[in-house]
Amino acid sequence: MILEWRDSEFPPEQKLLGVVYDAGVILRTDLLFLLNWTHDMLKKYVYRVRNAHAEALLRGGWTLNRSSYAYVLTEAGVRYVHQMLGIDGKPVTMDALWSHALGLNAILMRYLRKHGFDGVRWFNTREATDELWFLRKLATGATDADLRASSIRPDAALRTPQGFWWVEFDNATETSRQLWRKYQMYITNLSDLDESFRHVVWVTKNEARQRSMEMIWTQMPENHLHMDFFVEGKETFGE
């Protein structure tokens, strides 16, 4: 619900924590953009969060090249948001996943800055996984056990007025064998869904990796999925 916090009825401090939670890790500039806040507003609410709780809920830090400042929740912060939203589950922090989370969120930010917020919904990994489970349940009537045994966890999903896409951000760390298996899992998960839900966008680091991923996809057995591959910053959704 990362795009819903701006107009929600939660107090500002909880909006701040909610956006960071949904993003995993978020740049300060993107946080300001999503909440439509000024720097002074953000500074005020960060101060309030840090002084209203015995445990630290929020941490800030510079990205690797120190070009941008980002926020992430502590374990206590994740627990707080879980309680706030009624989410069951073990609190998981994003300390080891900064690069992947920031790269994934950048896809959404580029879309929003180009096309605006109207008619847009972004599903983070947890939400996209739940949405896929629900769609498969409706389409197949399979048992929960069968769904779990064959399920894939999309990195994210994007719904716009032009369509719906499952989104994968590739850091060029997976081997060809791992990509093949992931492609096959998408075929298994999406083949029974309506055609409108059989689109996957992969965003990767460079053109060489993009070509390699496309080549592997062309070797897959015939199927009815639509896979598109882009270098980050050049992705399109229904254009």
Protein backbone atom coordinates (compact mmCIF):
# COMPACT_ATOMS: atom_id res chain seq x y z
CA MET A 1 0.00 0.00 0.00
CA ILE A 2 2.98 2.28 -0.44
CA LEU A 3 1.03 4.69 -2.67
CA GLU A 4 -1.90 4.92 -0.24
CA TRP A 5 -0.05 6.34 2.74
CA ARG A 6 -0.08 9.93 1.45
CA ASP A 7 -3.86 10.24 1.66
CA SER A 8 -4.43 7.81 4.53
CA GLU A 9 -5.85 8.80 7.91
CA PHE A 10 -2.78 7.63 9.83
CA PRO A 11 -0.87 10.30 11.74
CA PRO A 12 2.27 11.60 9.99
CA GLU A 13 4.68 9.60 12.12
CA GLN A 14 2.91 6.37 11.20
CA LYS A 15 2.75 7.37 7.53
CA LEU A 16 6.51 7.78 7.65
CA LEU A 17 7.05 4.34 9.18
CA GLY A 18 4.51 2.76 6.84
CA VAL A 19 6.16 4.04 3.69
CA VAL A 20 9.60 2.91 4.85
CA TYR A 21 8.17 -0.49 5.75
CA ASP A 22 6.51 -0.99 2.38
CA ALA A 23 9.61 0.19 0.53
CA GLY A 24 12.05 -1.84 2.61
CA VAL A 25 14.72 0.80 2.05
CA ILE A 26 13.84 4.19 0.60
CA LEU A 27 15.80 7.24 -0.50
CA ARG A 28 15.00 10.46 1.33
CA THR A 29 14.11 12.17 -1.97
CA ASP A 30 11.65 9.38 -2.82
CA LEU A 31 10.10 9.53 0.64
CA LEU A 32 9.48 13.25 0.23
CA PHE A 33 8.01 12.63 -3.22
CA LEU A 34 5.64 9.86 -2.10
CA LEU A 35 4.31 11.74 0.93
CA ASN A 36 4.41 15.19 -0.70
CA TRP A 37 6.38 16.55 2.25
CA THR A 38 8.99 19.26 2.55
CA HIS A 39 12.42 18.61 4.07
CA ASP A 40 11.36 20.46 7.21
CA MET A 41 8.27 18.28 7.59
CA LEU A 42 10.31 15.12 7.24
CA LYS A 43 12.87 16.35 9.74
CA LYS A 44 10.11 17.11 12.25
CA TYR A 45 8.43 13.72 11.97
CA VAL A 46 11.70 11.77 12.02
CA TYR A 47 12.56 13.64 15.23
CA ARG A 48 9.19 12.75 16.73
CA VAL A 49 9.56 9.07 15.85
CA ARG A 50 13.04 8.91 17.33
CA ASN A 51 12.00 10.61 20.57
CA ALA A 52 8.63 8.98 21.18
CA HIS A 53 9.81 5.39 21.59
CA ALA A 54 12.24 3.70 23.93
CA GLU A 55 13.60 1.55 21.11
CA ALA A 56 14.88 3.03 17.85
CA LEU A 57 12.37 2.32 15.09
CA LEU A 58 14.06 4.08 12.18
CA ARG A 59 17.62 4.29 10.91
CA GLY A 60 19.15 6.50 8.27
CA GLY A 61 22.32 6.09 6.28
CA TRP A 62 24.14 6.99 3.10
CA THR A 63 24.16 4.77 0.06
CA LEU A 64 27.47 3.22 -0.99
CA ASN A 65 28.65 6.15 -3.08
CA ARG A 66 27.29 8.62 -0.51
CA SER A 67 25.25 10.30 -3.21
CA SER A 68 21.90 9.69 -1.49
CA TYR A 69 20.51 9.33 2.01
CA ALA A 70 18.11 6.49 2.76
CA TYR A 71 15.90 5.22 5.57
CA VAL A 72 15.25 1.68 6.81
CA LEU A 73 13.34 0.27 9.77
CA THR A 74 15.02 -1.49 12.66
CA GLU A 75 13.63 -4.80 13.89
CA ALA A 76 11.69 -2.85 16.51
CA GLY A 77 10.35 -0.62 13.74
CA VAL A 78 9.16 -3.59 11.73
CA ARG A 79 7.46 -5.03 14.82
CA TYR A 80 5.77 -1.67 15.42
CA VAL A 81 4.37 -1.56 11.86
CA HIS A 82 3.26 -5.19 12.08
CA GLN A 83 1.29 -4.32 15.20
CA MET A 84 0.00 -1.12 13.60
CA LEU A 85 -1.33 -3.01 10.56
CA GLY A 86 -2.25 -6.30 12.22
CA ILE A 87 0.36 -8.28 10.29
CA ASP A 88 1.38 -11.69 11.63
CA GLY A 89 4.89 -12.84 10.95
CA LYS A 90 8.49 -12.65 12.02
CA PRO A 91 9.95 -9.13 11.70
CA VAL A 92 12.54 -9.09 8.92
CA THR A 93 14.89 -6.17 8.43
CA MET A 94 16.37 -5.08 5.10
CA ASP A 95 19.93 -4.41 6.24
CA ALA A 96 21.46 -6.91 3.81
CA LEU A 97 19.21 -6.01 0.88
CA TRP A 98 19.75 -2.29 0.35
CA SER A 99 20.93 -2.54 -3.25
CA HIS A 100 18.10 -4.78 -4.39
CA ALA A 101 15.39 -2.82 -2.56
CA LEU A 102 16.62 0.53 -3.86
CA GLY A 103 16.88 -0.80 -7.42
CA LEU A 104 13.37 -2.20 -7.24
CA ASN A 105 11.89 0.99 -5.77
CA ALA A 106 13.63 3.05 -8.46
CA ILE A 107 11.50 1.28 -11.07
CA LEU A 108 8.35 2.55 -9.37
CA MET A 109 9.74 6.05 -8.89
CA ARG A 110 10.68 6.38 -12.55
CA TYR A 111 7.18 5.35 -13.54
CA LEU A 112 5.48 7.77 -11.14
CA ARG A 113 7.66 10.72 -12.09
CA LYS A 114 6.88 10.12 -15.74
CA HIS A 115 3.21 9.12 -15.60
CA GLY A 116 1.86 10.28 -12.23
CA PHE A 117 -0.09 8.45 -9.55
CA ASP A 118 -3.54 8.14 -11.17
CA GLY A 119 -4.71 4.56 -11.49
CA VAL A 120 -1.40 3.16 -10.25
CA ARG A 121 -0.93 0.49 -7.62
CA TRP A 122 2.40 -1.00 -6.57
CA PHE A 123 2.62 -4.34 -4.78
CA ASN A 124 5.80 -4.97 -2.77
CA THR A 125 7.16 -8.52 -2.49
CA ARG A 126 4.80 -9.55 0.30
CA GLU A 127 1.77 -8.02 -1.39
CA ALA A 128 2.68 -9.37 -4.85
CA THR A 129 3.11 -12.88 -3.41
CA ASP A 130 -0.29 -12.68 -1.72
CA GLU A 131 -1.90 -11.32 -4.91
CA LEU A 132 -0.44 -14.14 -6.99
CA TRP A 133 -1.63 -16.73 -4.48
CA PHE A 134 -5.14 -15.25 -4.60
CA LEU A 135 -5.26 -15.19 -8.42
CA ARG A 136 -4.02 -18.77 -8.65
CA LYS A 137 -6.54 -19.87 -6.04
CA LEU A 138 -9.38 -18.33 -8.04
CA ALA A 139 -8.14 -19.74 -11.34
CA THR A 140 -7.34 -23.30 -10.26
CA GLY A 141 -9.08 -24.01 -6.98
CA ALA A 142 -5.88 -25.75 -5.88
CA THR A 143 -5.28 -26.55 -2.23
CA ASP A 144 -3.13 -24.26 -0.13
CA ALA A 145 -0.51 -27.02 0.12
CA ASP A 146 -0.33 -27.38 -3.67
CA LEU A 147 -0.07 -23.62 -4.12
CA ARG A 148 2.73 -23.35 -1.58
CA ALA A 149 4.67 -26.21 -3.15
CA SER A 150 4.83 -24.51 -6.56
CA SER A 151 4.67 -20.82 -5.65
CA ILE A 152 7.11 -18.11 -6.68
CA ARG A 153 7.71 -14.83 -4.85
CA PRO A 154 7.68 -11.97 -7.36
CA ASP A 155 9.87 -9.03 -6.45
CA ALA A 156 6.90 -6.73 -7.00
CA ALA A 157 3.90 -6.05 -9.21
CA LEU A 158 2.65 -2.91 -10.93
CA ARG A 159 -0.90 -2.13 -11.97
CA THR A 160 -1.49 0.88 -14.23
CA PRO A 161 -4.33 2.00 -16.49
CA GLN A 162 -2.43 0.21 -19.28
CA GLY A 163 -2.19 -3.19 -17.61
CA PHE A 164 -0.65 -5.40 -14.95
CA TRP A 165 2.96 -6.62 -14.68
CA TRP A 166 4.91 -8.82 -12.32
CA VAL A 167 8.26 -7.10 -11.78
CA GLU A 168 11.71 -8.64 -11.24
CA PHE A 169 14.83 -6.61 -10.54
CA ASP A 170 17.97 -8.51 -11.55
CA ASN A 171 21.31 -7.66 -9.93
CA ALA A 172 23.14 -9.99 -12.34
CA THR A 173 23.96 -12.41 -9.51
CA GLU A 174 21.89 -15.41 -10.60
CA THR A 175 23.36 -18.07 -12.86
CA SER A 176 21.82 -19.19 -16.15
CA ARG A 177 20.53 -22.31 -14.41
CA GLN A 178 18.87 -20.20 -11.69
CA LEU A 179 17.24 -17.97 -14.31
CA TRP A 180 15.96 -20.99 -16.21
CA ARG A 181 14.36 -22.35 -13.05
CA LYS A 182 12.84 -18.97 -12.25
CA TYR A 183 11.39 -18.68 -15.76
CA GLN A 184 9.93 -22.17 -15.41
CA MET A 185 8.38 -21.24 -12.07
CA TYR A 186 6.72 -18.24 -13.68
CA ILE A 187 5.33 -20.46 -16.41
CA THR A 188 3.93 -22.80 -13.73
CA ASN A 189 2.45 -19.95 -11.70
CA LEU A 190 0.98 -17.79 -14.46
CA SER A 191 -0.17 -20.20 -17.18
CA ASP A 192 -3.61 -20.77 -15.64
CA LEU A 193 -4.29 -17.06 -15.12
CA ASP A 194 -6.12 -14.70 -17.41
CA GLU A 195 -3.90 -13.30 -20.16
CA SER A 196 -3.88 -9.89 -18.48
CA PHE A 197 -1.89 -11.43 -15.59
CA ARG A 198 0.69 -13.24 -17.74
CA HIS A 199 3.10 -10.33 -18.22
CA VAL A 200 6.50 -10.16 -16.50
CA VAL A 201 9.00 -7.31 -16.73
CA TRP A 202 12.66 -7.95 -15.90
CA VAL A 203 14.90 -4.96 -15.21
CA THR A 204 18.64 -5.56 -15.09
CA LYS A 205 21.97 -3.77 -14.88
CA ASN A 206 23.32 -3.60 -18.44
CA GLU A 207 22.70 -4.56 -22.05
CA ALA A 208 24.96 -7.63 -21.96
CA ARG A 209 22.95 -9.08 -19.08
CA GLN A 210 19.70 -8.14 -20.81
CA ARG A 211 20.74 -10.02 -23.96
CA SER A 212 21.80 -13.05 -21.93
CA MET A 213 18.47 -13.16 -20.11
CA GLU A 214 16.55 -12.82 -23.36
CA MET A 215 18.56 -15.63 -24.95
CA ILE A 216 17.78 -17.99 -22.08
CA TRP A 217 14.10 -17.11 -22.33
CA THR A 218 14.01 -17.94 -26.06
CA GLN A 219 15.17 -21.48 -25.19
CA MET A 220 12.21 -22.12 -22.88
CA PRO A 221 9.43 -24.48 -23.99
CA GLU A 222 6.56 -22.85 -25.86
CA ASN A 223 4.23 -21.03 -23.45
CA HIS A 224 1.78 -18.14 -23.30
CA LEU A 225 3.69 -15.77 -21.05
CA HIS A 226 4.92 -12.34 -22.09
CA MET A 227 8.42 -11.63 -20.81
CA ASP A 228 10.04 -8.23 -21.42
CA PHE A 229 13.64 -7.41 -20.53
CA PHE A 230 14.99 -3.90 -19.93
CA VAL A 231 18.10 -2.16 -18.72
CA GLU A 232 17.27 -0.12 -15.63
CA GLY A 233 16.10 3.35 -16.56
CA LYS A 234 14.80 2.21 -19.95
CA GLU A 235 11.84 0.10 -18.90
CA THR A 236 8.38 0.73 -20.32
CA PHE A 237 5.00 -0.48 -19.15
CA GLY A 238 2.42 -0.66 -21.90
CA GLU A 239 3.87 2.21 -23.92
